[in-house]
Amino acid sequence: MKPKVRKIYPKVLALLAIPFILSGCAKNVDCDIPERHVHKYIGFDTRGIVTNYFDSEREYINKRYPFGTFQYQRKDDYLEITKDDEEFYKVKGALFKGEENWHYLYNLMLNNEDYMEYEYKYRSGRYTHYAWTQDKNKSGLTGKVRVYHYKYYGYKITCENGEYVLEMSPYVDDIRDILDEYPYVGLGCFDEFHKGYKIDPKKIPTLKLSEIDEFKQPDLTNKNLYTNSK
């Protein structure tokens, strides 16, 4: 049972609740359910399907991310809630249960592969400039290499002094490591980290990522939700 509250910190709502960006076609849908409730919504992209619950009567809810717009469509299924539960869903915003959407998260990790960037220099007029590229055969390579790696995070929603509070998890290499304690995640539940190296520029064209990548990789040969599953 979710904890009950009477109010919520205004700054928590302003900073942490995730607003919806509604399209012009996101009209209200007739609903004859007399009890307080949240509707089930389904969205999908190239990574798979996401199931979520929103305190909304909209037919469509659009959420914009750096990688594009994710659209949820309302379904007939719903969950009955209390008046106090409405505050919980305000804080939850567009976060969804990771365990219920494991296949989406698995595909997210599968697509987020480590990669390398290489520094190169070039001249423009009297000045020398430096930039980064993923082309290992680029002219003017300096020998500086960066390995990029993805780490993941989730959230838990707790009740402190009668208020709902959203708390972010530590970063992990495999999102399964935190879903028990931090069960809620977002579509963009990852950040990039990088580590630098100095390599002989002549060796870079044949350099393999596995030769220098020191980041821990998630075990994606195991497709189960729990990393200790067989």
C-alpha atoms as a PDB file:
ATOM      1  CA  MET A   1       0.000   0.000   0.000  1.00  0.00           C
ATOM      2  CA  LYS A   2       1.304   3.428  -0.912  1.00  0.00           C
ATOM      3  CA  PRO A   3       1.867   5.923   1.929  1.00  0.00           C
ATOM      4  CA  LYS A   4      -0.794   8.605   2.348  1.00  0.00           C
ATOM      5  CA  VAL A   5      -0.040  12.322   2.390  1.00  0.00           C
ATOM      6  CA  ARG A   6      -1.949  15.584   2.597  1.00  0.00           C
ATOM      7  CA  LYS A   7       0.324  17.905   0.618  1.00  0.00           C
ATOM      8  CA  ILE A   8       3.560  17.949  -1.349  1.00  0.00           C
ATOM      9  CA  TYR A   9       6.588  20.231  -1.386  1.00  0.00           C
ATOM     10  CA  PRO A  10       6.092  22.835  -4.135  1.00  0.00           C
ATOM     11  CA  LYS A  11       9.786  22.753  -5.045  1.00  0.00           C
ATOM     12  CA  VAL A  12       9.688  18.969  -5.367  1.00  0.00           C
ATOM     13  CA  LEU A  13       6.874  19.251  -7.870  1.00  0.00           C
ATOM     14  CA  ALA A  14       8.612  22.047  -9.749  1.00  0.00           C
ATOM     15  CA  LEU A  15      11.986  20.328  -9.906  1.00  0.00           C
ATOM     16  CA  LEU A  16      11.221  16.633 -10.051  1.00  0.00           C
ATOM     17  CA  ALA A  17       7.743  16.046 -11.401  1.00  0.00           C
ATOM     18  CA  ILE A  18       7.958  15.473 -15.141  1.00  0.00           C
ATOM     19  CA  PRO A  19       5.532  17.622 -17.155  1.00  0.00           C
ATOM     20  CA  PHE A  20       3.614  16.364 -20.156  1.00  0.00           C
ATOM     21  CA  ILE A  21       3.861  18.004 -23.571  1.00  0.00           C
ATOM     22  CA  LEU A  22       0.517  17.435 -25.225  1.00  0.00           C
ATOM     23  CA  SER A  23      -0.030  17.413 -28.954  1.00  0.00           C
ATOM     24  CA  GLY A  24      -2.942  19.050 -30.698  1.00  0.00           C
ATOM     25  CA  CYS A  25      -4.617  15.674 -31.172  1.00  0.00           C
ATOM     26  CA  ALA A  26      -4.375  14.822 -27.461  1.00  0.00           C
ATOM     27  CA  LYS A  27      -8.085  15.329 -26.764  1.00  0.00           C
ATOM     28  CA  ASN A  28     -10.030  14.184 -23.747  1.00  0.00           C
ATOM     29  CA  VAL A  29     -11.781  10.823 -23.983  1.00  0.00           C
ATOM     30  CA  ASP A  30     -15.183  10.107 -22.478  1.00  0.00           C
ATOM     31  CA  CYS A  31     -14.841   8.222 -19.204  1.00  0.00           C
ATOM     32  CA  ASP A  32     -17.721   6.912 -17.089  1.00  0.00           C
ATOM     33  CA  ILE A  33     -15.642   5.449 -14.237  1.00  0.00           C
ATOM     34  CA  PRO A  34     -17.087   6.994 -11.029  1.00  0.00           C
ATOM     35  CA  GLU A  35     -14.142   6.113  -8.745  1.00  0.00           C
ATOM     36  CA  ARG A  36     -10.823   7.939  -8.625  1.00  0.00           C
ATOM     37  CA  HIS A  37      -8.477   6.147 -10.981  1.00  0.00           C
ATOM     38  CA  VAL A  38      -5.423   6.286 -13.233  1.00  0.00           C
ATOM     39  CA  HIS A  39      -5.502   4.992 -16.781  1.00  0.00           C
ATOM     40  CA  LYS A  40      -3.126   2.562 -18.390  1.00  0.00           C
ATOM     41  CA  TYR A  41      -1.128   4.015 -21.285  1.00  0.00           C
ATOM     42  CA  ILE A  42       1.001   2.222 -23.881  1.00  0.00           C
ATOM     43  CA  GLY A  43       3.856   3.732 -25.888  1.00  0.00           C
ATOM     44  CA  PHE A  44       6.513   2.261 -28.138  1.00  0.00           C
ATOM     45  CA  ASP A  45       9.561   3.101 -30.231  1.00  0.00           C
ATOM     46  CA  THR A  46      12.446   1.137 -31.773  1.00  0.00           C
ATOM     47  CA  ARG A  47      13.434  -0.192 -28.335  1.00  0.00           C
ATOM     48  CA  GLY A  48      10.034  -1.714 -27.619  1.00  0.00           C
ATOM     49  CA  ILE A  49       6.837  -1.124 -25.649  1.00  0.00           C
ATOM     50  CA  VAL A  50       6.413   0.817 -22.400  1.00  0.00           C
ATOM     51  CA  THR A  51       3.408   0.440 -20.101  1.00  0.00           C
ATOM     52  CA  ASN A  52       2.657   3.317 -17.751  1.00  0.00           C
ATOM     53  CA  TYR A  53      -0.170   4.741 -15.634  1.00  0.00           C
ATOM     54  CA  PHE A  54      -1.147   8.414 -15.698  1.00  0.00           C
ATOM     55  CA  ASP A  55      -3.721  10.452 -13.800  1.00  0.00           C
ATOM     56  CA  SER A  56      -5.111  11.770 -17.073  1.00  0.00           C
ATOM     57  CA  GLU A  57      -8.124  11.490 -19.366  1.00  0.00           C
ATOM     58  CA  ARG A  58      -6.179  12.408 -22.490  1.00  0.00           C
ATOM     59  CA  GLU A  59      -6.205  10.049 -25.442  1.00  0.00           C
ATOM     60  CA  TYR A  60      -2.527  10.756 -26.165  1.00  0.00           C
ATOM     61  CA  ILE A  61       0.338  12.005 -24.003  1.00  0.00           C
ATOM     62  CA  ASN A  62       3.533  13.054 -25.778  1.00  0.00           C
ATOM     63  CA  LYS A  63       6.874  13.255 -23.957  1.00  0.00           C
ATOM     64  CA  ARG A  64       9.837  14.847 -25.705  1.00  0.00           C
ATOM     65  CA  TYR A  65      13.393  13.638 -25.181  1.00  0.00           C
ATOM     66  CA  PRO A  66      16.710  14.511 -26.877  1.00  0.00           C
ATOM     67  CA  PHE A  67      16.329  11.357 -28.983  1.00  0.00           C
ATOM     68  CA  GLY A  68      12.788  12.192 -30.136  1.00  0.00           C
ATOM     69  CA  THR A  69       9.146  12.278 -29.059  1.00  0.00           C
ATOM     70  CA  PHE A  70       7.605   9.345 -27.226  1.00  0.00           C
ATOM     71  CA  GLN A  71       3.836   9.062 -27.487  1.00  0.00           C
ATOM     72  CA  TYR A  72       1.583   7.231 -25.034  1.00  0.00           C
ATOM     73  CA  GLN A  73      -1.954   6.168 -25.998  1.00  0.00           C
ATOM     74  CA  ARG A  74      -4.691   5.591 -23.436  1.00  0.00           C
ATOM     75  CA  LYS A  75      -6.152   2.110 -23.021  1.00  0.00           C
ATOM     76  CA  ASP A  76      -9.329   0.898 -21.314  1.00  0.00           C
ATOM     77  CA  ASP A  77      -7.497  -0.642 -18.333  1.00  0.00           C
ATOM     78  CA  TYR A  78      -7.282   1.447 -15.158  1.00  0.00           C
ATOM     79  CA  LEU A  79      -6.351   1.271 -11.479  1.00  0.00           C
ATOM     80  CA  GLU A  80      -8.539   2.636  -8.692  1.00  0.00           C
ATOM     81  CA  ILE A  81      -6.726   5.076  -6.406  1.00  0.00           C
ATOM     82  CA  THR A  82      -7.461   7.211  -3.359  1.00  0.00           C
ATOM     83  CA  LYS A  83      -7.452  11.002  -3.245  1.00  0.00           C
ATOM     84  CA  ASP A  84      -4.076  10.937  -1.517  1.00  0.00           C
ATOM     85  CA  ASP A  85      -2.683   8.617  -4.212  1.00  0.00           C
ATOM     86  CA  GLU A  86      -3.178  11.442  -6.712  1.00  0.00           C
ATOM     87  CA  GLU A  87      -0.247  13.231  -5.079  1.00  0.00           C
ATOM     88  CA  PHE A  88       1.885  10.112  -5.574  1.00  0.00           C
ATOM     89  CA  TYR A  89       1.183  10.147  -9.320  1.00  0.00           C
ATOM     90  CA  LYS A  90       2.015  13.850  -9.529  1.00  0.00           C
ATOM     91  CA  VAL A  91       5.488  13.119  -8.175  1.00  0.00           C
ATOM     92  CA  LYS A  92       5.894   9.988 -10.286  1.00  0.00           C
ATOM     93  CA  GLY A  93       5.187  11.988 -13.432  1.00  0.00           C
ATOM     94  CA  ALA A  94       6.302  10.091 -16.563  1.00  0.00           C
ATOM     95  CA  LEU A  95       8.455   7.609 -14.648  1.00  0.00           C
ATOM     96  CA  PHE A  96       7.408   3.976 -15.099  1.00  0.00           C
ATOM     97  CA  LYS A  97       7.970   0.675 -13.311  1.00  0.00           C
ATOM     98  CA  GLY A  98      11.226  -0.850 -14.563  1.00  0.00           C
ATOM     99  CA  GLU A  99      10.267  -4.405 -13.652  1.00  0.00           C
ATOM    100  CA  GLU A 100       7.060  -4.177 -15.702  1.00  0.00           C
ATOM    101  CA  ASN A 101       9.015  -2.887 -18.715  1.00  0.00           C
ATOM    102  CA  TRP A 102      12.117  -5.043 -18.554  1.00  0.00           C
ATOM    103  CA  HIS A 103      12.250  -5.871 -22.272  1.00  0.00           C
ATOM    104  CA  TYR A 104      12.349  -2.162 -23.106  1.00  0.00           C
ATOM    105  CA  LEU A 105      15.207  -1.589 -20.651  1.00  0.00           C
ATOM    106  CA  TYR A 106      17.084  -4.619 -21.952  1.00  0.00           C
ATOM    107  CA  ASN A 107      16.935  -3.263 -25.516  1.00  0.00           C
ATOM    108  CA  LEU A 108      18.030   0.140 -24.197  1.00  0.00           C
ATOM    109  CA  MET A 109      21.206  -1.373 -22.733  1.00  0.00           C
ATOM    110  CA  LEU A 110      21.709  -3.493 -25.841  1.00  0.00           C
ATOM    111  CA  ASN A 111      21.719  -0.380 -28.058  1.00  0.00           C
ATOM    112  CA  ASN A 112      23.956   1.657 -25.734  1.00  0.00           C
ATOM    113  CA  GLU A 113      27.301   0.242 -26.772  1.00  0.00           C
ATOM    114  CA  ASP A 114      30.622   1.732 -25.665  1.00  0.00           C
ATOM    115  CA  TYR A 115      32.403   3.698 -28.366  1.00  0.00           C
ATOM    116  CA  MET A 116      35.618   5.651 -28.970  1.00  0.00           C
ATOM    117  CA  GLU A 117      36.350   9.204 -30.044  1.00  0.00           C
ATOM    118  CA  TYR A 118      39.682  10.496 -31.353  1.00  0.00           C
ATOM    119  CA  GLU A 119      41.142  13.974 -31.048  1.00  0.00           C
ATOM    120  CA  TYR A 120      42.483  15.611 -34.197  1.00  0.00           C
ATOM    121  CA  LYS A 121      43.922  19.013 -35.018  1.00  0.00           C
ATOM    122  CA  TYR A 122      43.451  21.242 -38.017  1.00  0.00           C
ATOM    123  CA  ARG A 123      44.466  24.707 -39.069  1.00  0.00           C
ATOM    124  CA  SER A 124      42.191  27.583 -39.895  1.00  0.00           C
ATOM    125  CA  GLY A 125      44.108  30.632 -41.024  1.00  0.00           C
ATOM    126  CA  ARG A 126      46.901  31.240 -38.504  1.00  0.00           C
ATOM    127  CA  TYR A 127      45.311  29.142 -35.765  1.00  0.00           C
ATOM    128  CA  THR A 128      45.382  25.466 -34.838  1.00  0.00           C
ATOM    129  CA  HIS A 129      42.122  23.994 -33.603  1.00  0.00           C
ATOM    130  CA  TYR A 130      41.315  20.711 -31.858  1.00  0.00           C
ATOM    131  CA  ALA A 131      38.148  18.621 -32.184  1.00  0.00           C
ATOM    132  CA  TRP A 132      36.888  15.073 -31.689  1.00  0.00           C
ATOM    133  CA  THR A 133      35.676  12.488 -34.194  1.00  0.00           C
ATOM    134  CA  GLN A 134      34.629   8.828 -34.307  1.00  0.00           C
ATOM    135  CA  ASP A 135      36.565   8.389 -37.552  1.00  0.00           C
ATOM    136  CA  LYS A 136      39.805   6.629 -36.585  1.00  0.00           C
ATOM    137  CA  ASN A 137      41.272   7.358 -40.034  1.00  0.00           C
ATOM    138  CA  LYS A 138      40.841  11.110 -39.722  1.00  0.00           C
ATOM    139  CA  SER A 139      43.920  13.119 -40.655  1.00  0.00           C
ATOM    140  CA  GLY A 140      45.702  15.080 -37.934  1.00  0.00           C
ATOM    141  CA  LEU A 141      45.112  12.601 -35.090  1.00  0.00           C
ATOM    142  CA  THR A 142      46.878  13.685 -31.895  1.00  0.00           C
ATOM    143  CA  GLY A 143      46.851  10.314 -30.119  1.00  0.00           C
ATOM    144  CA  LYS A 144      44.259  11.315 -27.507  1.00  0.00           C
ATOM    145  CA  VAL A 145      41.412   8.797 -27.310  1.00  0.00           C
ATOM    146  CA  ARG A 146      38.215   8.822 -25.239  1.00  0.00           C
ATOM    147  CA  VAL A 147      36.132   5.740 -24.434  1.00  0.00           C
ATOM    148  CA  TYR A 148      32.449   6.508 -23.792  1.00  0.00           C
ATOM    149  CA  HIS A 149      30.323   4.304 -21.571  1.00  0.00           C
ATOM    150  CA  TYR A 150      26.697   4.382 -20.451  1.00  0.00           C
ATOM    151  CA  LYS A 151      25.606   4.173 -16.819  1.00  0.00           C
ATOM    152  CA  TYR A 152      22.022   3.899 -15.620  1.00  0.00           C
ATOM    153  CA  TYR A 153      19.905   5.219 -12.764  1.00  0.00           C
ATOM    154  CA  GLY A 154      16.417   4.910 -11.320  1.00  0.00           C
ATOM    155  CA  TYR A 155      14.245   6.486  -8.636  1.00  0.00           C
ATOM    156  CA  LYS A 156      12.336   5.512  -5.530  1.00  0.00           C
ATOM    157  CA  ILE A 157       9.392   7.419  -4.108  1.00  0.00           C
ATOM    158  CA  THR A 158       9.256   7.586  -0.326  1.00  0.00           C
ATOM    159  CA  CYS A 159       7.124   9.387   2.237  1.00  0.00           C
ATOM    160  CA  GLU A 160       9.010  11.726   4.562  1.00  0.00           C
ATOM    161  CA  ASN A 161       7.157  13.776   7.175  1.00  0.00           C
ATOM    162  CA  GLY A 162       3.916  13.265   5.292  1.00  0.00           C
ATOM    163  CA  GLU A 163       5.368  14.307   1.918  1.00  0.00           C
ATOM    164  CA  TYR A 164       6.264  12.272  -1.142  1.00  0.00           C
ATOM    165  CA  VAL A 165       9.948  12.562  -2.060  1.00  0.00           C
ATOM    166  CA  LEU A 166      11.630  11.368  -5.256  1.00  0.00           C
ATOM    167  CA  GLU A 167      15.169  10.027  -4.694  1.00  0.00           C
ATOM    168  CA  MET A 168      17.635   9.162  -7.445  1.00  0.00           C
ATOM    169  CA  SER A 169      19.766   6.011  -7.276  1.00  0.00           C
ATOM    170  CA  PRO A 170      23.542   5.785  -7.681  1.00  0.00           C
ATOM    171  CA  TYR A 171      24.784   5.158 -11.222  1.00  0.00           C
ATOM    172  CA  VAL A 172      25.183   1.492 -12.191  1.00  0.00           C
ATOM    173  CA  ASP A 173      26.492  -0.380 -15.241  1.00  0.00           C
ATOM    174  CA  ASP A 174      23.488  -2.720 -15.325  1.00  0.00           C
ATOM    175  CA  ILE A 175      20.075  -1.255 -14.516  1.00  0.00           C
ATOM    176  CA  ARG A 176      18.967  -4.557 -13.007  1.00  0.00           C
ATOM    177  CA  ASP A 177      21.294  -3.880 -10.084  1.00  0.00           C
ATOM    178  CA  ILE A 178      19.074  -1.112  -8.682  1.00  0.00           C
ATOM    179  CA  LEU A 179      15.491  -2.011  -9.701  1.00  0.00           C
ATOM    180  CA  ASP A 180      14.657  -3.680  -6.381  1.00  0.00           C
ATOM    181  CA  GLU A 181      15.401  -0.528  -4.371  1.00  0.00           C
ATOM    182  CA  TYR A 182      14.761   2.065  -7.094  1.00  0.00           C
ATOM    183  CA  PRO A 183      11.860   0.613  -9.095  1.00  0.00           C
ATOM    184  CA  TYR A 184      10.956   3.675 -11.200  1.00  0.00           C
ATOM    185  CA  VAL A 185      12.852   4.718 -14.318  1.00  0.00           C
ATOM    186  CA  GLY A 186      12.465   7.083 -17.242  1.00  0.00           C
ATOM    187  CA  LEU A 187      12.978   6.662 -20.968  1.00  0.00           C
ATOM    188  CA  GLY A 188      16.309   8.508 -20.734  1.00  0.00           C
ATOM    189  CA  CYS A 189      17.524   6.761 -17.578  1.00  0.00           C
ATOM    190  CA  PHE A 190      21.224   6.907 -18.504  1.00  0.00           C
ATOM    191  CA  ASP A 191      24.186   9.254 -18.803  1.00  0.00           C
ATOM    192  CA  GLU A 192      27.484   8.988 -20.664  1.00  0.00           C
ATOM    193  CA  PHE A 193      30.824   8.753 -18.891  1.00  0.00           C
ATOM    194  CA  HIS A 194      34.230   8.747 -20.550  1.00  0.00           C
ATOM    195  CA  LYS A 195      37.845   7.896 -19.808  1.00  0.00           C
ATOM    196  CA  GLY A 196      40.831   9.297 -21.679  1.00  0.00           C
ATOM    197  CA  TYR A 197      43.921   7.556 -23.064  1.00  0.00           C
ATOM    198  CA  LYS A 198      47.079   8.538 -24.915  1.00  0.00           C
ATOM    199  CA  ILE A 199      47.853   6.272 -27.884  1.00  0.00           C
ATOM    200  CA  ASP A 200      50.494   6.342 -30.605  1.00  0.00           C
ATOM    201  CA  PRO A 201      48.600   7.969 -33.533  1.00  0.00           C
ATOM    202  CA  LYS A 202      50.061   5.353 -35.902  1.00  0.00           C
ATOM    203  CA  LYS A 203      48.364   2.572 -33.906  1.00  0.00           C
ATOM    204  CA  ILE A 204      44.907   4.169 -33.778  1.00  0.00           C
ATOM    205  CA  PRO A 205      43.653   2.881 -37.194  1.00  0.00           C
ATOM    206  CA  THR A 206      43.982  -0.713 -35.931  1.00  0.00           C
ATOM    207  CA  LEU A 207      43.022  -0.001 -32.312  1.00  0.00           C
ATOM    208  CA  LYS A 208      40.155  -2.115 -30.959  1.00  0.00           C
ATOM    209  CA  LEU A 209      37.813  -0.897 -28.260  1.00  0.00           C
ATOM    210  CA  SER A 210      38.346  -4.071 -26.229  1.00  0.00           C
ATOM    211  CA  GLU A 211      42.077  -3.310 -25.971  1.00  0.00           C
ATOM    212  CA  ILE A 212      41.595  -0.223 -23.790  1.00  0.00           C
ATOM    213  CA  ASP A 213      38.005  -0.267 -22.509  1.00  0.00           C
ATOM    214  CA  GLU A 214      38.158  -0.587 -18.708  1.00  0.00           C
ATOM    215  CA  PHE A 215      34.465   0.003 -18.026  1.00  0.00           C
ATOM    216  CA  LYS A 216      32.370  -2.849 -16.656  1.00  0.00           C
ATOM    217  CA  GLN A 217      29.862  -4.142 -19.193  1.00  0.00           C
ATOM    218  CA  PRO A 218      26.362  -5.455 -18.343  1.00  0.00           C
ATOM    219  CA  ASP A 219      25.897  -9.175 -18.947  1.00  0.00           C
ATOM    220  CA  LEU A 220      23.491  -8.997 -21.875  1.00  0.00           C
ATOM    221  CA  THR A 221      23.867 -12.697 -22.667  1.00  0.00           C
ATOM    222  CA  ASN A 222      21.568 -13.065 -19.652  1.00  0.00           C
ATOM    223  CA  LYS A 223      18.220 -11.720 -20.830  1.00  0.00           C
ATOM    224  CA  ASN A 224      16.443 -12.312 -17.526  1.00  0.00           C
ATOM    225  CA  LEU A 225      15.241  -9.482 -15.331  1.00  0.00           C
ATOM    226  CA  TYR A 226      17.428 -10.511 -12.412  1.00  0.00           C
ATOM    227  CA  THR A 227      21.168 -10.822 -13.024  1.00  0.00           C
ATOM    228  CA  ASN A 228      21.414 -13.978 -10.903  1.00  0.00           C
ATOM    229  CA  SER A 229      18.685 -15.753 -12.878  1.00  0.00           C
ATOM    230  CA  LYS A 230      19.608 -18.866 -14.861  1.00  0.00           C
END
